Structures are given as structure tokens and as C-alpha cells.
Protein backbone atom coordinates (compact mmCIF):
# COMPACT_ATOMS: atom_id res chain seq x y z
CA MET A 1 -14.77 41.43 -22.19
CA SER A 2 -12.94 38.09 -22.92
CA VAL A 3 -14.06 34.17 -20.71
CA GLN A 4 -11.58 31.47 -20.90
CA ARG A 5 -12.02 27.86 -19.71
CA SER A 6 -9.65 26.01 -17.72
CA GLN A 7 -10.67 22.67 -18.79
CA SER A 8 -12.66 21.15 -21.43
CA SER A 9 -14.86 19.04 -19.06
CA VAL A 10 -15.09 17.93 -15.47
CA PRO A 11 -16.59 15.35 -13.50
CA ARG A 12 -19.94 15.42 -11.39
CA GLY A 13 -18.97 16.72 -7.84
CA GLN A 14 -16.33 19.20 -8.83
CA SER A 15 -16.10 22.61 -10.19
CA ALA A 16 -15.77 24.33 -13.71
CA ALA A 17 -12.96 26.98 -13.68
CA TYR A 18 -13.17 30.16 -15.98
CA ILE A 19 -10.88 33.31 -16.59
CA VAL A 20 -12.72 36.49 -16.75
CA GLN A 21 -10.68 39.58 -18.27
CA VAL A 22 -11.73 42.92 -18.59
CA SER A 23 -10.55 46.12 -20.68
CA ALA A 24 -11.46 49.15 -22.35
CA LYS A 25 -10.78 49.56 -26.20
CA ASN A 26 -9.25 52.47 -28.63
CA ASP A 27 -7.34 53.55 -25.87
CA GLY A 28 -10.12 54.65 -23.61
CA SER A 29 -10.83 54.10 -19.80
CA ALA A 30 -13.83 53.28 -17.69
CA ALA A 31 -14.55 53.70 -14.05
CA ALA A 32 -17.00 52.16 -11.82
CA VAL A 33 -17.09 48.85 -13.72
CA THR A 34 -19.17 45.74 -12.45
CA VAL A 35 -18.68 42.30 -13.63
CA ALA A 36 -22.05 40.13 -13.54
CA LEU A 37 -21.85 36.34 -13.78
CA THR A 38 -24.79 33.98 -15.07
CA SER A 39 -24.83 30.53 -15.83
CA GLN A 40 -26.56 27.99 -17.80
CA PRO A 41 -28.21 25.62 -16.49
CA SER A 42 -28.96 28.01 -13.77
CA SER A 43 -29.30 25.58 -10.58
CA GLN A 44 -25.68 25.42 -10.97
CA LYS A 45 -24.73 28.96 -9.12
CA PRO A 46 -21.39 30.74 -10.64
CA VAL A 47 -19.08 32.74 -8.07
CA PHE A 48 -16.08 34.45 -8.59
CA THR A 49 -12.76 33.09 -6.63
CA GLY A 50 -10.33 35.40 -7.16
CA GLY A 51 -9.22 38.92 -7.96
CA CYS A 52 -12.10 40.58 -6.91
CA ALA A 53 -11.68 43.03 -3.63
CA ASN A 54 -15.29 42.49 -2.47
CA GLY A 55 -16.81 39.99 -4.52
CA ASN A 56 -15.10 36.68 -4.05
CA GLY A 57 -17.43 34.09 -3.29
CA THR A 58 -20.44 35.98 -5.17
CA ALA A 59 -21.83 36.34 -8.75
CA SER A 60 -21.04 40.04 -8.80
CA CYS A 61 -17.50 41.92 -8.92
CA ARG A 62 -16.94 45.55 -8.85
CA VAL A 63 -13.96 46.27 -10.75
CA GLY A 64 -13.56 49.95 -10.58
CA ALA A 65 -11.02 51.57 -13.26
CA VAL A 66 -10.65 49.35 -16.17
CA SER A 67 -7.91 50.83 -19.37
CA ASP A 68 -7.07 49.28 -22.68
CA LYS A 69 -3.14 49.06 -21.06
CA GLN A 70 -4.38 47.34 -17.62
CA PRO A 71 -6.95 44.64 -17.97
CA VAL A 72 -8.38 43.24 -15.41
CA THR A 73 -7.98 39.36 -14.67
CA LEU A 74 -11.00 37.58 -12.51
CA HIS A 75 -11.36 34.18 -11.53
CA ALA A 76 -14.75 32.42 -11.48
CA GLN A 77 -16.60 29.02 -11.32
CA ILE A 78 -19.49 26.96 -11.61
CA PRO A 79 -19.67 24.06 -8.94
CA VAL A 80 -21.58 21.24 -10.17
CA ALA A 81 -23.32 19.14 -7.52
CA ASP A 82 -22.74 15.43 -6.81
CA ASP A 83 -26.35 14.57 -8.13
CA ALA A 84 -26.94 16.74 -11.02
CA SER A 85 -27.08 13.91 -13.33
CA SER A 86 -29.27 15.25 -15.96
CA VAL A 87 -26.53 18.26 -16.31
CA THR A 88 -24.25 17.38 -19.29
CA SER A 89 -22.48 21.03 -19.66
CA VAL A 90 -22.32 24.43 -18.00
CA ARG A 91 -22.16 27.82 -19.79
CA LEU A 92 -20.81 30.84 -18.33
CA THR A 93 -21.80 34.19 -19.05
CA ALA A 94 -19.86 37.62 -17.95
CA THR A 95 -21.32 40.72 -18.38
CA ALA A 96 -19.87 44.09 -17.61
CA SER A 97 -21.78 47.50 -16.76
CA VAL A 98 -21.08 50.60 -16.27
CA THR A 99 -22.94 54.05 -14.89
CA THR A 100 -23.30 56.09 -17.41
CA THR A 101 -26.29 57.78 -19.43
CA ALA A 102 -25.18 57.26 -22.95
CA LYS A 103 -27.05 54.52 -24.43
CA TRP A 104 -25.13 51.38 -25.19
CA THR A 105 -25.05 47.73 -24.78
CA PRO A 106 -23.31 46.12 -22.24
CA PRO A 107 -20.75 43.79 -23.46
CA SER A 108 -20.60 40.22 -22.33
CA ALA A 109 -18.83 36.69 -23.17
CA ALA A 110 -19.51 33.19 -22.48
CA GLU A 111 -18.01 29.89 -22.43
CA THR A 112 -18.80 26.07 -22.05
CA VAL A 113 -17.48 23.17 -20.11
CA ALA A 114 -18.76 19.99 -20.73
CA VAL A 115 -19.36 18.07 -17.71
CA THR A 116 -19.16 14.16 -17.12
CA ALA A 117 -20.16 11.70 -14.81
CA ALA A 118 -18.64 11.43 -11.49
CA ALA A 119 -15.31 9.60 -11.08
CA ALA A 120 -15.08 6.39 -9.38
CA ALA A 121 -13.83 6.02 -5.59
CA PRO A 122 -10.30 4.86 -5.63
CA GLY A 123 -10.28 1.07 -4.39
CA GLY A 124 -13.73 0.12 -5.55
CA SER A 125 -16.55 0.97 -6.97
CA PRO A 126 -18.82 4.57 -6.61
CA GLY A 127 -20.59 4.45 -3.10
CA GLY A 128 -17.87 1.76 -1.17
CA SER A 129 -19.44 -1.33 -2.71
CA SER A 130 -17.52 -4.07 -2.95
CA PRO A 131 -16.82 -5.17 -6.75
CA GLU A 132 -18.87 -7.60 -8.34
CA GLY A 133 -22.16 -6.94 -6.09
CA VAL A 134 -19.93 -8.49 -3.18
CA PRO A 135 -21.29 -6.65 -0.18
CA SER A 136 -18.40 -5.41 2.22
CA ALA A 137 -17.91 -6.81 5.44
CA PRO A 138 -19.47 -4.68 8.11
CA GLY A 139 -17.48 -3.26 10.95
CA THR A 140 -14.26 -2.90 9.19
CA THR A 141 -14.15 0.69 9.10
CA LEU A 142 -11.91 1.88 11.93
CA PRO A 143 -13.09 5.44 13.63
CA LEU A 144 -11.03 8.23 13.79
CA GLY A 145 -10.03 9.22 16.91
CA PRO A 146 -6.21 9.91 18.60
CA VAL A 147 -3.81 7.27 18.89
CA PRO A 148 -3.66 5.36 22.10
CA ASN A 149 -0.73 5.79 24.46
CA LEU A 150 1.37 2.86 23.81
CA ASN A 151 4.18 3.86 25.96
CA SER A 152 1.95 4.03 29.01
CA VAL A 153 2.56 1.01 31.82
CA SER A 154 -0.48 -0.87 31.28
CA SER A 155 -0.11 -1.23 27.38
CA SER A 156 3.82 -1.51 27.77
CA LEU A 157 4.03 -4.99 30.32
CA ILE A 158 2.33 -8.42 29.61
CA GLY A 159 1.98 -10.42 32.49
CA ALA A 160 3.84 -13.75 32.00
CA GLY A 161 1.82 -16.51 32.41
CA ASN A 162 2.13 -20.52 33.31
CA ALA A 163 2.84 -22.37 30.08
CA SER A 164 2.85 -25.59 31.49
CA GLY A 165 -0.71 -26.24 30.37
CA LEU A 166 0.62 -25.94 26.91
CA PHE A 167 2.51 -29.01 26.72
CA PRO A 168 1.30 -32.68 26.93
CA ALA A 169 1.81 -34.78 30.42
CA ILE A 170 4.12 -37.64 29.95
CA ASN A 171 3.86 -40.25 32.74
CA PRO A 172 6.16 -43.00 32.95
CA GLY A 173 5.01 -46.31 31.68
CA ALA A 174 4.22 -49.26 34.16
CA THR A 175 6.71 -52.35 34.43
CA PRO A 176 5.64 -55.30 32.80
CA SER A 177 5.35 -57.88 35.24
CA PRO A 178 6.52 -61.48 34.08
CA SER A 179 3.44 -63.88 32.90
CA PRO A 180 2.83 -66.42 35.36
CA GLY A 181 4.03 -69.70 34.62
CA ASN A 182 7.73 -68.26 33.71
CA GLY A 183 10.61 -68.97 35.70
CA ALA A 184 13.85 -67.12 36.15
CA SER A 185 15.61 -68.80 33.48
CA ASP A 186 12.73 -67.45 31.00
CA GLY A 187 13.56 -64.14 32.06
CA ARG A 188 17.08 -64.57 31.72
CA ARG A 189 16.40 -65.96 28.06
CA ASN A 190 14.29 -63.35 27.53
CA ALA A 191 16.73 -60.84 28.49
CA GLU A 192 19.46 -62.05 26.65
CA PRO A 193 18.27 -60.93 23.11
CA ALA A 194 17.03 -57.41 24.37
CA ARG A 195 20.80 -56.80 25.37
CA SER A 196 21.97 -57.79 22.16
CA SER A 197 19.64 -55.67 20.52
CA ALA A 198 20.40 -52.64 22.45
CA ALA A 199 24.29 -53.29 21.89
CA ILE A 200 23.45 -53.37 18.14
CA ALA A 201 21.18 -50.92 18.10
CA PHE A 202 23.63 -48.16 19.83
CA VAL A 203 26.43 -49.14 16.84
CA LYS A 204 26.66 -46.42 14.36
CA PRO A 205 26.11 -47.44 10.97
CA GLY A 206 29.47 -45.90 9.63
CA LEU A 207 31.86 -47.56 12.30
CA THR A 208 32.35 -50.63 10.32
CA GLY A 209 32.97 -48.83 7.26
CA GLN A 210 35.91 -46.81 9.08
CA VAL A 211 37.15 -49.87 10.68
CA ALA A 212 37.83 -51.44 7.29
CA GLY A 213 39.32 -48.24 5.83
CA LEU A 214 41.61 -47.92 8.99
CA ILE A 215 42.64 -51.97 8.33
CA ALA A 216 43.14 -51.19 4.38
CA LEU A 217 45.35 -48.30 5.66
CA LEU A 218 47.58 -49.99 7.65
CA VAL A 219 48.08 -53.06 5.34
CA ALA A 220 48.98 -50.36 2.74
CA VAL A 221 51.31 -48.95 5.05
CA LEU A 222 52.67 -52.04 5.85
CA LEU A 223 53.52 -53.34 2.32
CA THR A 224 55.14 -50.11 1.27
CA VAL A 225 57.57 -50.47 4.72
CA THR A 226 58.20 -53.99 3.50
CA ARG A 227 59.02 -53.14 -0.21
CA LEU A 228 61.12 -49.95 0.91
CA SER A 229 63.10 -52.39 3.37
CA LEU A 230 63.52 -55.37 0.73
CA ARG A 231 65.29 -52.69 -2.00
CA ARG A 232 67.57 -51.37 0.50
CA ARG A 233 68.60 -55.22 1.35
CA PHE A 234 69.08 -56.02 -2.40
CA ARG A 235 71.26 -52.92 -2.89
CA SER A 236 73.35 -53.69 -0.02
CA ARG A 237 73.88 -57.22 -1.12
CA LYS A 238 74.57 -55.76 -4.75
CA GLN A 239 77.18 -53.27 -3.52
CA GLY A 240 78.95 -55.86 -1.23
CA SER A 241 79.39 -58.76 -3.66
């Protein structure tokens, strides 16, 4: 009889797993073998999880025939409760028994697994509380349920509304009336600067620079043409003489 643990420690809320092997010695064999499980502390109940034909989920497994060449391998575990704060370790003991009239001591084996604190919930502290004692906002968790049909006509069509209310109303300003006591001549005098200022306002700032550049270019072209014509005349006179 042998018991092996699958891990050295488990957190609360999980199960400590074990492997139990049963075999015979000295080329012998045994029939009608039964393996029983016990645990310490007894509040954490052990069960078989694999290898038993009729004992999975219980603490007793009927193995049948066992020999030294064909050992039987069983799987067991001890589930540790979430609220077992006083439990620091769990010990599994497996004991084999056979039906016989001979006097003998049933073989047994045991293994211990340490129990640690429960793992913290992902994304926050245990219990779903916010970090640093900040309470979580109520109503932020969405209930599970079927996804609404987004392809239906009622959800896919959006009625167009009138957007005129989104923009401010623009009303034309009233035409200022001339102040009393001013004649037509005064109105003309007041209108003259407005026309001049309007004409100046529509002149592009870069237009004066462009005109000056064009004038400079024309002057350069004229100077070049004049210089070439003078050279030709000078050469023709020199050849004629």
C-alpha cells in the first residue's frame, strides 16, 4: 500500500489530490480487496475520484484481485472548505483489507498536504470589495441572460429627427437710421470712408509683393535684352570698320 500527494499545498476552497496504489508482495496475490479512506481532520471528507468501478465519490473502494505484477492505482482527494480557517493541513490515510480467517494487520499508508489561505479574486480583493476600502459602485454588474436581437427592425432603425433646434437662430440686424440733424452731405461723407475701407479690406496682403516682384522681373528682362542688342550692334560696327 502506498499514498502519494499530487501537490505539497493547496489553498482553501480547493481539493488536495492523492494517488493510492495497492499491490501484493512476494509473488503473491489477494482477492476481494477493499480500500478505505480516512482523513485528519475528520471534518474534511475524503473521496475516491478514479480507478474504482463502484466506489467513485465515496470513501470506500472495492478493488478485487491484486498481485505484485499488476498493482491497482486509485485516485482520491480531500476537498477543503472555503470557511475552514482553522485547517492548516489535511492528512489522507488509505487502509487495505481482505476477507480472511488468518490473523494479520491491514496495511495502510498516509500523506499530508498543507493548506494555505484562499487565493484572492482576480481584479480585486476577496469578496469583490474595491481596493483600499473604496466601496464598489452599486448596479455595475450586468445580469447574465440572452443577448438581445440587434438585427430586428425595431433596434436597427433609428428615426431621423429635426436638427434645427441644435443651431442658434440668426436674425438680420436692423439698418441703422441716420441721426437727426445730419443732411445728405453728411451721409455721403460718412459713406466715403466705408467704401475706401471696404476696398482696402478686400485687397490681399500678398498682392503688393507680387506686383513688385513682377515689375522687378520685367526690368531685369528689359536690361538683359538691351545689353544683348548693344553687344550685337557693337560687333557689327567693329566688323564693318
